[in-house]
Amino acid sequence: MRPGLSPAQLAALYDLENQWAEDDDFFLAFVNELANRRVLDLGCGTGRISLAVAARGHTVVGIDPNPGSLGAARGKTGAEGVTWVEGTSSRIPENTVFDVAIMTAHVAQAIYDDGEWSRTLADVHRALAPGGRLAFDSRDPAARAWQRWTPTETQSRHILPDGTAVETWMESSPEPDADGLIALTEHRSLQGGPVETETSVLAFRTEDQLRHDLIAAGFTVEGIFGGWSGEAVGHGQGELIVVARKPA
């Protein structure tokens, strides 16, 4: 049997599947509301947003638990302008204060355990300066995104920078379980070879749940939007885009 994708190939595949889009524009504009900010990018992945934010003159710490993703981030142009940390919110550098924290690309949903989610919000709250702000995105369960995660609708083919051809498709559990969790399985076939799979669990929290969790962590919710142009929940792109503040 052929070996599966290497960590470097997986990071390259992620970058091919996740190009710069309107969500990135939103988060970059959010950070850029003021100059010279201290920014925490939690769940930074391969560094797309971290690097763009640093290029605008901000001081950035990017944290991610995946060493392959961080390895790819460290190899990109401008990587020396970001402090990269392997881990979760528990690895936020001590005695470092941030003006802004972001969690992009629905990383909030990947923190599916409620206890870990509460700890994450508490850790971010501690790390923010008084008046500091947090922004993140989470798919609105009312939009039922999982219904579109089928092999037919998600099948695609990519050529990695090393010339490797990869076919991918996804499928998910038909409905969330009682806790609002969906199991999402990505299938990957390398050069037409055997299929390897990777399953992740995503939490689909409602707007009310997110408001409750943020308030419990000490945040004030400034707004929750349904789309990247500030549309109301239930409109836009089926998102719950959250902006919250640590009281001054």
Protein backbone atom coordinates (compact mmCIF):
# COMPACT_ATOMS: atom_id res chain seq x y z
CA MET A 1 0.00 0.00 0.00
CA ARG A 2 1.27 3.45 -0.86
CA PRO A 3 1.96 5.79 2.02
CA GLY A 4 -0.49 8.59 2.69
CA LEU A 5 0.14 12.28 2.35
CA SER A 6 3.04 13.67 4.36
CA PRO A 7 2.47 16.55 6.81
CA ALA A 8 3.95 18.94 4.23
CA GLN A 9 1.62 17.60 1.53
CA LEU A 10 -1.39 17.87 3.83
CA ALA A 11 -0.51 21.51 4.55
CA ALA A 12 -0.13 22.19 0.81
CA LEU A 13 -3.50 20.55 0.14
CA TYR A 14 -5.10 22.70 2.83
CA ASP A 15 -3.74 25.84 1.18
CA LEU A 16 -5.08 24.75 -2.22
CA GLU A 17 -8.51 24.05 -0.75
CA ASN A 18 -8.61 27.28 1.26
CA GLN A 19 -7.74 30.30 -0.86
CA TRP A 20 -8.07 33.90 0.29
CA ALA A 21 -11.76 34.85 0.36
CA GLU A 22 -14.24 37.34 1.81
CA ASP A 23 -13.92 35.90 5.31
CA ASP A 24 -10.22 36.74 5.23
CA ASP A 25 -11.07 40.26 4.08
CA PHE A 26 -13.41 40.61 7.06
CA PHE A 27 -10.87 39.52 9.67
CA LEU A 28 -8.06 41.58 8.15
CA ALA A 29 -10.27 44.67 8.13
CA PHE A 30 -11.30 43.94 11.72
CA VAL A 31 -7.68 43.93 12.86
CA ASN A 32 -6.80 46.95 10.71
CA GLU A 33 -9.36 49.20 12.39
CA LEU A 34 -6.41 50.57 14.36
CA ALA A 35 -2.69 50.51 13.60
CA ASN A 36 0.12 48.74 15.46
CA ARG A 37 -2.06 46.26 17.31
CA ARG A 38 -1.00 43.21 19.31
CA VAL A 39 -2.87 40.32 17.67
CA LEU A 40 -3.53 36.75 18.75
CA ASP A 41 -4.44 34.36 15.89
CA LEU A 42 -5.71 31.25 17.66
CA GLY A 43 -5.89 28.25 15.36
CA CYS A 44 -3.65 29.95 12.80
CA GLY A 45 -3.22 26.87 10.61
CA THR A 46 -0.73 27.42 7.79
CA GLY A 47 -0.56 31.13 8.60
CA ARG A 48 -2.61 32.80 5.86
CA ILE A 49 -4.18 35.44 8.13
CA SER A 50 -1.26 35.72 10.55
CA LEU A 51 1.11 36.62 7.73
CA ALA A 52 -1.29 39.12 6.17
CA VAL A 53 -1.83 40.82 9.52
CA ALA A 54 1.90 40.98 10.25
CA ALA A 55 2.53 42.45 6.79
CA ARG A 56 0.27 45.37 7.82
CA GLY A 57 2.61 46.22 10.69
CA HIS A 58 0.86 44.48 13.58
CA THR A 59 2.58 42.31 16.19
CA VAL A 60 1.24 38.77 15.77
CA VAL A 61 1.32 35.53 17.74
CA GLY A 62 -0.04 32.53 15.80
CA ILE A 63 -0.98 29.41 17.76
CA ASP A 64 -1.98 26.03 16.32
CA PRO A 65 -1.87 22.43 17.60
CA ASN A 66 -0.86 20.94 14.23
CA PRO A 67 2.94 20.80 13.78
CA GLY A 68 2.61 20.18 10.04
CA SER A 69 0.57 23.34 9.58
CA LEU A 70 3.01 25.38 11.64
CA GLY A 71 5.92 23.94 9.67
CA ALA A 72 4.30 25.19 6.48
CA ALA A 73 3.61 28.59 8.04
CA ARG A 74 7.23 28.97 9.15
CA GLY A 75 8.41 28.34 5.59
CA LYS A 76 6.37 31.14 4.01
CA THR A 77 7.53 34.62 3.06
CA GLY A 78 7.30 36.98 6.03
CA ALA A 79 7.14 34.17 8.59
CA GLU A 80 9.89 35.79 10.65
CA GLY A 81 7.42 38.58 11.46
CA VAL A 82 5.16 36.22 13.42
CA THR A 83 5.75 34.40 16.69
CA TRP A 84 4.59 30.80 16.09
CA VAL A 85 3.49 28.62 18.99
CA GLU A 86 2.47 24.96 18.85
CA GLY A 87 -0.53 24.17 21.04
CA THR A 88 -3.94 25.42 22.10
CA SER A 89 -5.10 28.44 24.10
CA SER A 90 -3.26 26.99 27.11
CA ARG A 91 -0.03 27.96 25.31
CA ILE A 92 -0.85 31.64 25.00
CA PRO A 93 2.40 33.27 26.18
CA GLU A 94 2.22 34.38 29.79
CA ASN A 95 2.57 38.08 30.54
CA THR A 96 1.63 38.89 26.93
CA VAL A 97 -1.34 41.19 26.43
CA PHE A 98 -3.28 41.45 23.16
CA ASP A 99 -5.50 44.14 21.71
CA VAL A 100 -7.27 41.76 19.34
CA ALA A 101 -7.88 37.99 19.16
CA ILE A 102 -9.21 36.19 16.10
CA MET A 103 -10.27 32.61 15.40
CA THR A 104 -10.83 32.20 11.67
CA ALA A 105 -11.86 29.43 9.25
CA HIS A 106 -14.48 28.07 11.69
CA VAL A 107 -11.79 26.94 14.11
CA ALA A 108 -14.26 27.61 16.94
CA GLN A 109 -16.31 24.65 15.71
CA ALA A 110 -13.30 22.34 15.89
CA ILE A 111 -13.19 23.03 19.65
CA TYR A 112 -16.17 20.75 20.05
CA ASP A 113 -15.85 19.79 23.71
CA ASP A 114 -17.86 22.25 25.81
CA GLY A 115 -15.35 22.25 28.64
CA GLU A 116 -12.46 22.94 26.28
CA TRP A 117 -14.51 25.65 24.56
CA SER A 118 -15.17 27.37 27.90
CA ARG A 119 -11.48 27.16 28.80
CA THR A 120 -10.53 28.61 25.42
CA LEU A 121 -12.80 31.62 25.86
CA ALA A 122 -11.50 32.11 29.42
CA ASP A 123 -7.88 31.94 28.21
CA VAL A 124 -8.53 34.49 25.46
CA HIS A 125 -10.36 36.77 27.89
CA ARG A 126 -7.37 36.71 30.26
CA ALA A 127 -4.95 37.47 27.43
CA LEU A 128 -6.84 40.49 26.11
CA ALA A 129 -6.23 43.98 27.38
CA PRO A 130 -9.22 45.76 28.94
CA GLY A 131 -11.33 46.86 26.00
CA GLY A 132 -9.71 44.22 23.77
CA ARG A 133 -11.86 42.53 21.16
CA LEU A 134 -12.43 39.00 19.89
CA ALA A 135 -13.84 37.95 16.51
CA PHE A 136 -14.57 34.46 15.22
CA ASP A 137 -16.86 32.61 12.84
CA SER A 138 -19.10 29.58 13.34
CA ARG A 139 -21.58 28.08 10.90
CA ASP A 140 -25.22 28.75 11.73
CA PRO A 141 -26.86 25.36 12.40
CA ALA A 142 -30.07 26.71 10.87
CA ALA A 143 -28.26 26.80 7.49
CA ARG A 144 -27.63 23.02 7.71
CA ALA A 145 -24.24 23.11 5.96
CA TRP A 146 -23.72 19.40 6.60
CA GLN A 147 -26.37 18.60 3.99
CA ARG A 148 -23.95 19.83 1.32
CA TRP A 149 -21.04 17.72 2.58
CA THR A 150 -21.63 14.80 0.26
CA PRO A 151 -19.21 12.99 -2.09
CA THR A 152 -21.10 14.31 -5.10
CA GLU A 153 -21.00 17.98 -4.06
CA THR A 154 -17.48 18.03 -2.60
CA GLN A 155 -15.41 15.89 -4.98
CA SER A 156 -12.39 17.74 -6.36
CA ARG A 157 -8.91 17.12 -7.73
CA HIS A 158 -5.78 19.07 -6.83
CA ILE A 159 -2.19 19.07 -8.04
CA LEU A 160 0.20 19.70 -5.16
CA PRO A 161 3.33 21.84 -5.62
CA ASP A 162 5.41 18.64 -5.80
CA GLY A 163 3.32 17.42 -8.75
CA THR A 164 1.27 14.90 -6.78
CA ALA A 165 -2.36 14.54 -7.85
CA VAL A 166 -4.89 14.21 -5.02
CA GLU A 167 -8.61 13.52 -5.28
CA THR A 168 -10.71 14.52 -2.27
CA TRP A 169 -14.32 14.31 -1.18
CA MET A 170 -16.24 14.66 2.07
CA GLU A 171 -19.21 13.14 3.80
CA SER A 172 -20.80 13.88 7.14
CA SER A 173 -23.22 12.36 9.57
CA PRO A 174 -26.79 13.01 8.34
CA GLU A 175 -27.82 15.13 11.34
CA PRO A 176 -26.13 16.59 14.43
CA ASP A 177 -26.29 14.47 17.56
CA ALA A 178 -28.03 15.61 20.75
CA ASP A 179 -25.06 17.88 21.57
CA GLY A 180 -25.04 19.55 18.16
CA LEU A 181 -21.98 17.62 16.94
CA ILE A 182 -21.34 16.52 13.37
CA ALA A 183 -18.71 13.99 12.31
CA LEU A 184 -17.07 15.09 9.05
CA THR A 185 -14.89 12.63 7.14
CA GLU A 186 -12.49 13.73 4.40
CA HIS A 187 -11.44 11.09 1.88
CA ARG A 188 -8.16 11.47 0.00
CA SER A 189 -6.78 9.38 -2.85
CA LEU A 190 -3.15 9.96 -3.74
CA GLN A 191 -2.35 9.46 -7.45
CA GLY A 192 -5.41 7.22 -7.79
CA GLY A 193 -4.15 4.91 -5.03
CA PRO A 194 -5.83 3.64 -1.88
CA VAL A 195 -8.16 6.02 -0.08
CA GLU A 196 -7.13 7.43 3.27
CA THR A 197 -9.66 9.07 5.55
CA GLU A 198 -9.57 11.63 8.34
CA THR A 199 -12.56 12.31 10.56
CA SER A 200 -13.09 15.46 12.58
CA VAL A 201 -15.88 16.52 14.90
CA LEU A 202 -17.50 19.94 14.56
CA ALA A 203 -19.78 21.70 17.03
CA PHE A 204 -22.77 23.54 15.60
CA ARG A 205 -23.63 26.05 18.34
CA THR A 206 -26.65 28.30 18.04
CA GLU A 207 -26.52 32.07 18.34
CA ASP A 208 -28.03 31.81 21.83
CA GLN A 209 -25.40 29.26 22.88
CA LEU A 210 -22.57 31.47 21.66
CA ARG A 211 -23.95 34.51 23.45
CA HIS A 212 -24.35 32.50 26.67
CA ASP A 213 -20.79 31.12 26.48
CA LEU A 214 -19.24 34.51 25.78
CA ILE A 215 -21.08 36.23 28.61
CA ALA A 216 -20.10 33.40 30.98
CA ALA A 217 -16.46 34.01 30.02
CA GLY A 218 -16.77 37.72 30.83
CA PHE A 219 -17.24 39.15 27.34
CA THR A 220 -19.73 41.70 26.12
CA VAL A 221 -21.21 40.67 22.76
CA GLU A 222 -21.02 43.59 20.33
CA GLY A 223 -22.70 41.82 17.44
CA ILE A 224 -23.39 38.56 15.65
CA PHE A 225 -23.84 38.64 11.87
CA GLY A 226 -25.06 36.19 9.29
CA GLY A 227 -22.75 37.28 6.47
CA TRP A 228 -19.42 38.89 5.74
CA SER A 229 -20.99 42.23 4.81
CA GLY A 230 -22.76 42.56 8.16
CA GLU A 231 -26.04 40.86 7.17
CA ALA A 232 -28.44 39.84 9.91
CA VAL A 233 -28.37 36.28 11.21
CA GLY A 234 -30.41 34.10 8.88
CA HIS A 235 -29.20 36.03 5.85
CA GLY A 236 -25.80 36.32 4.21
CA GLN A 237 -23.76 33.14 3.92
CA GLY A 238 -25.22 31.05 6.74
CA GLU A 239 -22.61 32.21 9.24
CA LEU A 240 -22.55 33.32 12.83
CA ILE A 241 -19.81 35.94 12.79
CA VAL A 242 -19.17 37.03 16.34
CA VAL A 243 -17.59 40.24 17.62
CA ALA A 244 -17.13 40.53 21.38
CA ARG A 245 -15.26 42.80 23.78
CA LYS A 246 -13.55 42.42 27.12
CA PRO A 247 -15.00 45.25 29.24
CA ALA A 248 -12.54 48.06 29.99
